[in-house]
C-alpha atoms as a PDB file:
ATOM      1  CA  MET A   1      20.210   8.319  -4.973  1.00  0.00           C
ATOM      2  CA  ASN A   2      21.892   5.590  -2.903  1.00  0.00           C
ATOM      3  CA  ARG A   3      23.300   3.584  -5.813  1.00  0.00           C
ATOM      4  CA  SER A   4      25.679   1.760  -3.447  1.00  0.00           C
ATOM      5  CA  ARG A   5      22.896   0.107  -1.342  1.00  0.00           C
ATOM      6  CA  VAL A   6      25.066   0.931   1.743  1.00  0.00           C
ATOM      7  CA  THR A   7      22.737   0.855   4.895  1.00  0.00           C
ATOM      8  CA  ASP A   8      24.877  -0.928   7.504  1.00  0.00           C
ATOM      9  CA  TYR A   9      28.528  -1.819   8.438  1.00  0.00           C
ATOM     10  CA  ASP A  10      28.752  -4.905   6.276  1.00  0.00           C
ATOM     11  CA  SER A  11      27.458  -3.262   3.114  1.00  0.00           C
ATOM     12  CA  ALA A  12      29.665  -0.319   3.785  1.00  0.00           C
ATOM     13  CA  GLU A  13      32.747  -2.552   4.110  1.00  0.00           C
ATOM     14  CA  ARG A  14      31.911  -4.343   0.868  1.00  0.00           C
ATOM     15  CA  TRP A  15      31.649  -0.950  -0.891  1.00  0.00           C
ATOM     16  CA  LEU A  16      35.060   0.184   0.286  1.00  0.00           C
ATOM     17  CA  GLN A  17      36.639  -3.039  -1.051  1.00  0.00           C
ATOM     18  CA  GLY A  18      35.649  -1.673  -4.516  1.00  0.00           C
ATOM     19  CA  ALA A  19      37.780   1.476  -4.045  1.00  0.00           C
ATOM     20  CA  ARG A  20      40.621   1.935  -6.498  1.00  0.00           C
ATOM     21  CA  ASN A  21      43.072   3.083  -3.815  1.00  0.00           C
ATOM     22  CA  LYS A  22      45.217   0.433  -2.073  1.00  0.00           C
ATOM     23  CA  LEU A  23      44.232   1.329   1.442  1.00  0.00           C
ATOM     24  CA  LYS A  24      40.485   0.884   0.742  1.00  0.00           C
ATOM     25  CA  ARG A  25      39.649   3.484   3.277  1.00  0.00           C
ATOM     26  CA  GLU A  26      37.600   5.907   1.177  1.00  0.00           C
ATOM     27  CA  ARG A  27      35.336   5.783  -1.817  1.00  0.00           C
ATOM     28  CA  SER A  28      32.771   7.998  -3.546  1.00  0.00           C
ATOM     29  CA  LEU A  29      29.099   7.268  -3.131  1.00  0.00           C
ATOM     30  CA  TYR A  30      28.606   8.439  -6.682  1.00  0.00           C
ATOM     31  CA  GLU A  31      26.890  11.701  -5.570  1.00  0.00           C
ATOM     32  CA  GLY A  32      28.417  15.079  -5.388  1.00  0.00           C
ATOM     33  CA  GLY A  33      29.975  15.738  -1.946  1.00  0.00           C
ATOM     34  CA  VAL A  34      28.980  12.383  -0.389  1.00  0.00           C
ATOM     35  CA  ARG A  35      31.736   9.884   0.384  1.00  0.00           C
ATOM     36  CA  LEU A  36      32.194   6.761   2.454  1.00  0.00           C
ATOM     37  CA  VAL A  37      35.174   6.920   4.681  1.00  0.00           C
ATOM     38  CA  ARG A  38      36.623   4.530   7.339  1.00  0.00           C
ATOM     39  CA  THR A  39      37.034   6.809  10.332  1.00  0.00           C
ATOM     40  CA  SER A  40      38.365   4.155  12.696  1.00  0.00           C
ATOM     41  CA  PRO A  41      39.154   0.387  12.668  1.00  0.00           C
ATOM     42  CA  THR A  42      35.617  -0.420  13.673  1.00  0.00           C
ATOM     43  CA  GLU A  43      33.674   2.598  12.105  1.00  0.00           C
ATOM     44  CA  ILE A  44      32.788   3.582   8.630  1.00  0.00           C
ATOM     45  CA  SER A  45      30.952   6.948   7.975  1.00  0.00           C
ATOM     46  CA  VAL A  46      28.969   8.614   5.221  1.00  0.00           C
ATOM     47  CA  VAL A  47      30.719  11.985   5.032  1.00  0.00           C
ATOM     48  CA  LEU A  48      29.252  15.147   3.405  1.00  0.00           C
ATOM     49  CA  SER A  49      31.321  18.093   2.156  1.00  0.00           C
ATOM     50  CA  TRP A  50      28.533  20.341   1.277  1.00  0.00           C
ATOM     51  CA  TRP A  51      28.433  24.228   1.775  1.00  0.00           C
ATOM     52  CA  GLY A  52      26.805  24.789   5.176  1.00  0.00           C
ATOM     53  CA  PHE A  53      26.959  21.128   6.064  1.00  0.00           C
ATOM     54  CA  GLY A  54      30.192  19.267   6.537  1.00  0.00           C
ATOM     55  CA  GLY A  55      31.377  16.159   8.327  1.00  0.00           C
ATOM     56  CA  LYS A  56      29.862  12.864   9.245  1.00  0.00           C
ATOM     57  CA  ALA A  57      26.155  12.261   8.640  1.00  0.00           C
ATOM     58  CA  VAL A  58      25.768   8.487   9.351  1.00  0.00           C
ATOM     59  CA  THR A  59      28.299   6.213  11.089  1.00  0.00           C
ATOM     60  CA  TYR A  60      28.145   2.373  10.999  1.00  0.00           C
ATOM     61  CA  ARG A  61      29.891   0.498  13.682  1.00  0.00           C
ATOM     62  CA  SER A  62      31.151  -3.167  13.479  1.00  0.00           C
ATOM     63  CA  ASP A  63      28.920  -4.249  16.307  1.00  0.00           C
ATOM     64  CA  GLY A  64      25.863  -3.563  14.153  1.00  0.00           C
ATOM     65  CA  VAL A  65      24.993  -0.106  15.584  1.00  0.00           C
ATOM     66  CA  THR A  66      24.210   2.737  13.261  1.00  0.00           C
ATOM     67  CA  ILE A  67      24.591   6.283  14.501  1.00  0.00           C
ATOM     68  CA  ILE A  68      22.736   9.311  13.110  1.00  0.00           C
ATOM     69  CA  GLU A  69      25.251  12.079  13.630  1.00  0.00           C
ATOM     70  CA  PRO A  70      24.140  15.643  14.572  1.00  0.00           C
ATOM     71  CA  GLY A  71      23.511  17.699  11.584  1.00  0.00           C
ATOM     72  CA  SER A  72      21.277  19.923   9.453  1.00  0.00           C
ATOM     73  CA  ALA A  73      17.548  19.690   8.865  1.00  0.00           C
ATOM     74  CA  TYR A  74      17.722  20.752   5.308  1.00  0.00           C
ATOM     75  CA  GLN A  75      15.687  18.642   2.946  1.00  0.00           C
ATOM     76  CA  SER A  76      18.843  17.497   1.083  1.00  0.00           C
ATOM     77  CA  ALA A  77      20.392  16.386   4.289  1.00  0.00           C
ATOM     78  CA  ARG A  78      17.269  14.563   5.501  1.00  0.00           C
ATOM     79  CA  ARG A  79      17.341  12.617   2.239  1.00  0.00           C
ATOM     80  CA  ILE A  80      20.910  11.380   2.945  1.00  0.00           C
ATOM     81  CA  TYR A  81      19.873  10.268   6.443  1.00  0.00           C
ATOM     82  CA  MET A  82      16.837   8.291   5.076  1.00  0.00           C
ATOM     83  CA  GLU A  83      18.845   6.814   2.258  1.00  0.00           C
ATOM     84  CA  TYR A  84      21.719   5.528   4.279  1.00  0.00           C
ATOM     85  CA  VAL A  85      19.817   4.472   7.567  1.00  0.00           C
ATOM     86  CA  LYS A  86      17.588   1.479   6.961  1.00  0.00           C
ATOM     87  CA  ASP A  87      13.803   2.089   7.337  1.00  0.00           C
ATOM     88  CA  LEU A  88      14.262   5.629   8.671  1.00  0.00           C
ATOM     89  CA  THR A  89      11.784   8.398   7.945  1.00  0.00           C
ATOM     90  CA  MET A  90      12.700  12.010   8.766  1.00  0.00           C
ATOM     91  CA  VAL A  91      10.258  14.992   8.197  1.00  0.00           C
ATOM     92  CA  ILE A  92       9.670  18.429   9.505  1.00  0.00           C
ATOM     93  CA  ARG A  93       6.484  19.040  11.528  1.00  0.00           C
ATOM     94  CA  LYS A  94       5.668  22.368  13.007  1.00  0.00           C
ATOM     95  CA  GLY A  95       9.220  23.391  12.772  1.00  0.00           C
ATOM     96  CA  HIS A  96      10.571  20.274  14.595  1.00  0.00           C
ATOM     97  CA  ILE A  97      12.472  17.320  13.074  1.00  0.00           C
ATOM     98  CA  VAL A  98      10.596  14.153  13.570  1.00  0.00           C
ATOM     99  CA  ILE A  99      12.203  10.777  12.978  1.00  0.00           C
ATOM    100  CA  SER A 100      10.487   7.503  12.756  1.00  0.00           C
ATOM    101  CA  LEU A 101      11.570   3.794  12.732  1.00  0.00           C
ATOM    102  CA  PRO A 102       9.334   0.682  12.649  1.00  0.00           C
ATOM    103  CA  SER A 103      10.227  -0.013  16.275  1.00  0.00           C
ATOM    104  CA  ASP A 104       8.337   3.227  17.171  1.00  0.00           C
ATOM    105  CA  GLY A 105       5.149   1.334  16.485  1.00  0.00           C
ATOM    106  CA  LYS A 106       1.813   2.715  15.197  1.00  0.00           C
ATOM    107  CA  SER A 107      -1.080   4.637  16.776  1.00  0.00           C
ATOM    108  CA  ALA A 108      -4.315   2.869  17.632  1.00  0.00           C
ATOM    109  CA  SER A 109      -6.778   2.261  14.786  1.00  0.00           C
ATOM    110  CA  LYS A 110      -9.457   4.860  14.392  1.00  0.00           C
ATOM    111  CA  VAL A 111     -12.097   3.933  11.839  1.00  0.00           C
ATOM    112  CA  THR A 112     -14.818   6.541  11.117  1.00  0.00           C
ATOM    113  CA  ASN A 113     -16.892   8.109   8.407  1.00  0.00           C
ATOM    114  CA  CYS A 114     -14.833   9.182   5.385  1.00  0.00           C
ATOM    115  CA  ARG A 115     -14.161  12.884   5.653  1.00  0.00           C
ATOM    116  CA  THR A 116     -14.232  13.285   1.875  1.00  0.00           C
ATOM    117  CA  CYS A 117     -17.682  11.878   1.159  1.00  0.00           C
ATOM    118  CA  LYS A 118     -19.074  12.142   4.692  1.00  0.00           C
ATOM    119  CA  GLY A 119     -19.647   8.377   4.936  1.00  0.00           C
ATOM    120  CA  VAL A 120     -21.840   8.212   1.793  1.00  0.00           C
ATOM    121  CA  GLY A 121     -19.291   6.374  -0.333  1.00  0.00           C
ATOM    122  CA  THR A 122     -19.898   8.500  -3.391  1.00  0.00           C
ATOM    123  CA  LYS A 123     -19.519  12.220  -4.382  1.00  0.00           C
ATOM    124  CA  PRO A 124     -21.523  14.315  -6.778  1.00  0.00           C
ATOM    125  CA  LYS A 125     -19.761  15.301 -10.000  1.00  0.00           C
ATOM    126  CA  GLU A 126     -19.137  18.822 -10.753  1.00  0.00           C
ATOM    127  CA  CYS A 127     -20.400  20.580 -13.822  1.00  0.00           C
ATOM    128  CA  TYR A 128     -18.280  23.502 -14.846  1.00  0.00           C
ATOM    129  CA  GLY A 129     -20.836  25.023 -17.046  1.00  0.00           C
ATOM    130  CA  PRO A 130     -20.021  27.080 -20.137  1.00  0.00           C
ATOM    131  CA  THR A 131     -16.831  28.948 -20.790  1.00  0.00           C
ATOM    132  CA  PRO A 132     -17.231  32.668 -19.852  1.00  0.00           C
ATOM    133  CA  ARG A 133     -16.748  34.024 -23.433  1.00  0.00           C
ATOM    134  CA  CYS A 134     -17.561  32.594 -26.858  1.00  0.00           C
ATOM    135  CA  TYR A 135     -14.630  31.343 -28.893  1.00  0.00           C
ATOM    136  CA  ASP A 136     -16.710  29.467 -31.470  1.00  0.00           C
ATOM    137  CA  GLY A 137     -15.399  30.131 -34.942  1.00  0.00           C
ATOM    138  CA  ASP A 138     -18.803  29.807 -36.425  1.00  0.00           C
ATOM    139  CA  CYS A 139     -20.306  32.407 -34.156  1.00  0.00           C
ATOM    140  CA  GLU A 140     -21.172  35.580 -36.129  1.00  0.00           C
ATOM    141  CA  GLN A 141     -20.344  37.810 -33.314  1.00  0.00           C
ATOM    142  CA  TYR A 142     -17.092  36.061 -32.679  1.00  0.00           C
ATOM    143  CA  ALA A 143     -16.121  36.469 -36.223  1.00  0.00           C
ATOM    144  CA  ALA A 144     -17.006  40.217 -36.096  1.00  0.00           C
ATOM    145  CA  THR A 145     -14.663  40.831 -33.238  1.00  0.00           C
ATOM    146  CA  ARG A 146     -11.846  38.469 -34.380  1.00  0.00           C
ATOM    147  CA  GLU A 147      -9.858  41.207 -35.847  1.00  0.00           C
ATOM    148  CA  LEU A 148     -10.059  43.306 -32.710  1.00  0.00           C
ATOM    149  CA  ARG A 149      -8.947  40.359 -30.699  1.00  0.00           C
ATOM    150  CA  ASN A 150      -5.829  39.720 -32.922  1.00  0.00           C
ATOM    151  CA  LYS A 151      -4.825  43.337 -32.464  1.00  0.00           C
ATOM    152  CA  ILE A 152      -5.034  43.062 -28.643  1.00  0.00           C
ATOM    153  CA  TRP A 153      -3.138  39.782 -28.573  1.00  0.00           C
ATOM    154  CA  ALA A 154      -0.332  41.317 -30.685  1.00  0.00           C
ATOM    155  CA  LEU A 155       0.251  44.163 -28.253  1.00  0.00           C
ATOM    156  CA  ALA A 156       2.397  43.967 -25.109  1.00  0.00           C
ATOM    157  CA  TYR A 157       0.670  43.928 -21.753  1.00  0.00           C
ATOM    158  CA  GLN A 158       2.058  47.203 -20.820  1.00  0.00           C
ATOM    159  CA  ASP A 159       1.025  48.980 -24.051  1.00  0.00           C
ATOM    160  CA  PRO A 160      -1.603  51.653 -23.309  1.00  0.00           C
ATOM    161  CA  GLU A 161      -3.257  50.909 -26.677  1.00  0.00           C
ATOM    162  CA  ARG A 162      -3.966  47.310 -25.515  1.00  0.00           C
ATOM    163  CA  LYS A 163      -6.167  48.543 -22.678  1.00  0.00           C
ATOM    164  CA  LYS A 164      -8.072  50.899 -24.944  1.00  0.00           C
ATOM    165  CA  LEU A 165      -8.846  48.042 -27.378  1.00  0.00           C
ATOM    166  CA  GLN A 166      -9.977  45.747 -24.545  1.00  0.00           C
ATOM    167  CA  GLU A 167     -12.485  48.409 -23.468  1.00  0.00           C
ATOM    168  CA  GLU A 168     -13.795  48.569 -26.966  1.00  0.00           C
ATOM    169  CA  LEU A 169     -14.135  44.669 -27.060  1.00  0.00           C
ATOM    170  CA  GLU A 170     -15.842  44.214 -23.856  1.00  0.00           C
ATOM    171  CA  PRO A 171     -19.347  45.250 -24.848  1.00  0.00           C
ATOM    172  CA  LEU A 172     -18.984  43.068 -28.073  1.00  0.00           C
ATOM    173  CA  GLU A 173     -18.325  39.800 -26.265  1.00  0.00           C
ATOM    174  CA  HIS A 174     -21.131  37.573 -25.109  1.00  0.00           C
ATOM    175  CA  GLY A 175     -21.468  34.452 -23.004  1.00  0.00           C
ATOM    176  CA  HIS A 176     -22.483  30.964 -24.115  1.00  0.00           C
ATOM    177  CA  PRO A 177     -25.993  29.732 -23.190  1.00  0.00           C
ATOM    178  CA  THR A 178     -26.560  27.937 -19.963  1.00  0.00           C
ATOM    179  CA  CYS A 179     -25.269  24.409 -19.378  1.00  0.00           C
ATOM    180  CA  LYS A 180     -27.499  21.341 -19.532  1.00  0.00           C
ATOM    181  CA  HIS A 181     -28.615  21.960 -15.980  1.00  0.00           C
ATOM    182  CA  GLY A 182     -29.583  25.612 -16.642  1.00  0.00           C
ATOM    183  CA  GLN A 183     -26.642  27.181 -14.882  1.00  0.00           C
ATOM    184  CA  ILE A 184     -23.816  29.342 -16.024  1.00  0.00           C
ATOM    185  CA  LYS A 185     -21.410  28.701 -13.075  1.00  0.00           C
ATOM    186  CA  ALA A 186     -19.688  25.549 -11.784  1.00  0.00           C
ATOM    187  CA  HIS A 187     -22.017  23.484  -9.458  1.00  0.00           C
ATOM    188  CA  LEU A 188     -22.460  20.008  -8.101  1.00  0.00           C
ATOM    189  CA  CYS A 189     -24.687  17.461  -9.890  1.00  0.00           C
ATOM    190  CA  VAL A 190     -26.339  15.699  -7.074  1.00  0.00           C
ATOM    191  CA  ASP A 191     -27.871  12.941  -9.309  1.00  0.00           C
ATOM    192  CA  ASP A 192     -24.645  12.348 -11.202  1.00  0.00           C
ATOM    193  CA  ARG A 193     -22.135  10.777  -8.819  1.00  0.00           C
ATOM    194  CA  TYR A 194     -18.812   9.054  -8.826  1.00  0.00           C
ATOM    195  CA  ASP A 195     -17.218   6.586  -6.429  1.00  0.00           C
ATOM    196  CA  CYS A 196     -15.302   8.155  -3.636  1.00  0.00           C
ATOM    197  CA  TYR A 197     -11.620   7.741  -4.187  1.00  0.00           C
ATOM    198  CA  ARG A 198     -10.732   8.093  -0.461  1.00  0.00           C
ATOM    199  CA  CYS A 199     -12.740   5.289   1.048  1.00  0.00           C
ATOM    200  CA  ARG A 200     -13.361   3.339  -2.215  1.00  0.00           C
ATOM    201  CA  THR A 201     -17.179   3.454  -1.697  1.00  0.00           C
ATOM    202  CA  THR A 202     -17.069   1.935   1.831  1.00  0.00           C
ATOM    203  CA  GLY A 203     -17.814   5.218   3.542  1.00  0.00           C
ATOM    204  CA  LYS A 204     -15.236   4.309   6.212  1.00  0.00           C
ATOM    205  CA  VAL A 205     -11.610   5.321   6.640  1.00  0.00           C
ATOM    206  CA  ASP A 206      -9.092   4.379   9.277  1.00  0.00           C
ATOM    207  CA  TYR A 207      -7.568   7.731  10.361  1.00  0.00           C
ATOM    208  CA  GLY A 208      -5.527   6.029  13.019  1.00  0.00           C
ATOM    209  CA  ASN A 209      -2.892   3.228  12.571  1.00  0.00           C
ATOM    210  CA  LYS A 210      -0.216   5.845  11.696  1.00  0.00           C
ATOM    211  CA  GLN A 211       3.465   5.438  12.245  1.00  0.00           C
ATOM    212  CA  ARG A 212       4.669   7.015  15.472  1.00  0.00           C
ATOM    213  CA  GLY A 213       7.843   9.167  15.640  1.00  0.00           C
ATOM    214  CA  ARG A 214       9.894  11.281  17.934  1.00  0.00           C
ATOM    215  CA  VAL A 215      11.209  14.870  17.902  1.00  0.00           C
ATOM    216  CA  TRP A 216      14.973  15.222  17.314  1.00  0.00           C
ATOM    217  CA  SER A 217      16.854  18.302  18.176  1.00  0.00           C
ATOM    218  CA  GLY A 218      19.479  17.680  15.502  1.00  0.00           C
ATOM    219  CA  ALA A 219      22.196  18.375  18.062  1.00  0.00           C
ATOM    220  CA  GLU A 220      22.656  14.936  19.685  1.00  0.00           C
ATOM    221  CA  PRO A 221      23.568  11.678  17.936  1.00  0.00           C
ATOM    222  CA  ILE A 222      21.026   8.893  17.814  1.00  0.00           C
ATOM    223  CA  GLY A 223      22.041   5.264  18.054  1.00  0.00           C
ATOM    224  CA  ILE A 224      20.123   2.399  16.441  1.00  0.00           C
ATOM    225  CA  ASP A 225      21.027  -1.199  17.127  1.00  0.00           C
ATOM    226  CA  ALA A 226      21.094  -4.016  14.680  1.00  0.00           C
ATOM    227  CA  ASP A 227      17.442  -4.913  15.435  1.00  0.00           C
ATOM    228  CA  GLY A 228      16.272  -1.243  14.722  1.00  0.00           C
ATOM    229  CA  PHE A 229      15.766  -0.163  18.312  1.00  0.00           C
ATOM    230  CA  TYR A 230      17.097   3.126  19.794  1.00  0.00           C
ATOM    231  CA  ILE A 231      20.088   2.909  22.183  1.00  0.00           C
ATOM    232  CA  GLU A 232      22.184   5.401  24.054  1.00  0.00           C
ATOM    233  CA  VAL A 233      25.490   6.409  22.324  1.00  0.00           C
END
């Protein structure tokens, strides 16, 4: 968790001022293996010292530019990138690292019938019917087989005796009567419906208007200016 609230050069500089050392050049970010280090007079970096991933992850420059340094695509590393770069989203899609910033914009709106309820706005409830076997303590047949059940539950799964007792129990067990709809298996109740959670009964959903992104190889640095736009570094 980014407890320091460091996301740019100014906030990074303020965090370094709280360091106990006199030089104010390095300070922990209160997370194992994650430190804030002044790497030059005009640059401060989030530095990782994890197994399999070491070195700078994010660098803040005094001119307001933030640099996403080349690095790993592990989930733990992506979390660090997203916590220390303002408004950044980084995910894996089809084996590729996809990064996204508000400046990437969104896709066009695409309003169409809800795929969950097929545009109806409601969905039929599901009746799960009876349980497959009777466990009613008042059931005479259940009471007659209770002792046999207890013996089975007391044995280990690998015990040969358990399998033998289960074979004896099988013909003694019986099912409950059918449910109120006359069925014994799970089924949809067409006349008993609930509001669709996806479209909130409107029957329409906007499947567009999604945040755009771009593929990152993970091998080249990415520069972001103070306004959140990509720049060459």
